[in-house]
Amino acid sequence: MIPFPDITPYIFKIGPFQIRWYGLMYLIGFLAAYLLIKRQETREIISIIHG
């Protein structure tokens, strides 16, 4: 049988407040999408200005 690691579903817990792994992944995904969109936006504006 393959051993399965016992990983807690949360990163850290302060009282009743918990940050879970999937919440962190959502945050990283939204942040990456935002930064990629902003980067693409600046490239499009620069290419339009310079013709």
C-alpha atoms as a PDB file:
ATOM      1  CA  MET A   1       0.000   0.000   0.000  1.00  0.00           C
ATOM      2  CA  ILE A   2       1.230   3.497  -0.847  1.00  0.00           C
ATOM      3  CA  PRO A   3       1.648   5.737   2.215  1.00  0.00           C
ATOM      4  CA  PHE A   4      -0.441   8.913   2.124  1.00  0.00           C
ATOM      5  CA  PRO A   5       0.991  12.016   3.852  1.00  0.00           C
ATOM      6  CA  ASP A   6      -1.225  13.573   6.498  1.00  0.00           C
ATOM      7  CA  ILE A   7      -1.383  17.191   5.286  1.00  0.00           C
ATOM      8  CA  THR A   8      -3.626  19.610   7.134  1.00  0.00           C
ATOM      9  CA  PRO A   9      -6.190  21.436   4.972  1.00  0.00           C
ATOM     10  CA  TYR A  10      -5.124  24.827   6.316  1.00  0.00           C
ATOM     11  CA  ILE A  11      -1.838  26.733   6.134  1.00  0.00           C
ATOM     12  CA  PHE A  12      -2.206  28.429   9.503  1.00  0.00           C
ATOM     13  CA  LYS A  13      -4.896  29.001  12.070  1.00  0.00           C
ATOM     14  CA  ILE A  14      -5.350  31.901  14.486  1.00  0.00           C
ATOM     15  CA  GLY A  15      -8.281  31.104  16.750  1.00  0.00           C
ATOM     16  CA  PRO A  16     -11.328  30.451  14.545  1.00  0.00           C
ATOM     17  CA  PHE A  17      -9.648  32.123  11.537  1.00  0.00           C
ATOM     18  CA  GLN A  18      -8.050  29.680   9.070  1.00  0.00           C
ATOM     19  CA  ILE A  19      -6.236  30.217   5.781  1.00  0.00           C
ATOM     20  CA  ARG A  20      -6.628  27.115   3.626  1.00  0.00           C
ATOM     21  CA  TRP A  21      -4.413  25.946   0.770  1.00  0.00           C
ATOM     22  CA  TYR A  22      -7.083  26.344  -1.909  1.00  0.00           C
ATOM     23  CA  GLY A  23      -7.695  29.932  -0.785  1.00  0.00           C
ATOM     24  CA  LEU A  24      -4.010  30.698  -1.235  1.00  0.00           C
ATOM     25  CA  MET A  25      -4.070  29.128  -4.717  1.00  0.00           C
ATOM     26  CA  TYR A  26      -7.091  31.271  -5.687  1.00  0.00           C
ATOM     27  CA  LEU A  27      -5.265  34.383  -4.482  1.00  0.00           C
ATOM     28  CA  ILE A  28      -2.109  33.482  -6.425  1.00  0.00           C
ATOM     29  CA  GLY A  29      -4.176  32.723  -9.558  1.00  0.00           C
ATOM     30  CA  PHE A  30      -6.097  36.006  -9.439  1.00  0.00           C
ATOM     31  CA  LEU A  31      -2.918  37.972  -8.749  1.00  0.00           C
ATOM     32  CA  ALA A  32      -1.072  36.283 -11.637  1.00  0.00           C
ATOM     33  CA  ALA A  33      -3.990  36.946 -14.013  1.00  0.00           C
ATOM     34  CA  TYR A  34      -4.154  40.600 -12.932  1.00  0.00           C
ATOM     35  CA  LEU A  35      -0.413  41.100 -13.439  1.00  0.00           C
ATOM     36  CA  LEU A  36      -0.473  39.396 -16.852  1.00  0.00           C
ATOM     37  CA  ILE A  37      -3.405  41.548 -17.981  1.00  0.00           C
ATOM     38  CA  LYS A  38      -1.674  44.741 -16.806  1.00  0.00           C
ATOM     39  CA  ARG A  39       1.523  43.689 -18.606  1.00  0.00           C
ATOM     40  CA  GLN A  40      -0.356  42.964 -21.824  1.00  0.00           C
ATOM     41  CA  GLU A  41      -2.228  46.257 -21.515  1.00  0.00           C
ATOM     42  CA  THR A  42       1.007  48.268 -21.333  1.00  0.00           C
ATOM     43  CA  ARG A  43       2.467  46.391 -24.302  1.00  0.00           C
ATOM     44  CA  GLU A  44      -0.622  47.085 -26.429  1.00  0.00           C
ATOM     45  CA  ILE A  45      -0.600  50.799 -25.561  1.00  0.00           C
ATOM     46  CA  ILE A  46       3.106  51.120 -26.374  1.00  0.00           C
ATOM     47  CA  SER A  47       2.716  49.305 -29.712  1.00  0.00           C
ATOM     48  CA  ILE A  48      -0.259  51.536 -30.655  1.00  0.00           C
ATOM     49  CA  ILE A  49       1.669  54.737 -29.826  1.00  0.00           C
ATOM     50  CA  HIS A  50       4.796  53.727 -31.785  1.00  0.00           C
ATOM     51  CA  GLY A  51       2.753  52.550 -34.772  1.00  0.00           C
END
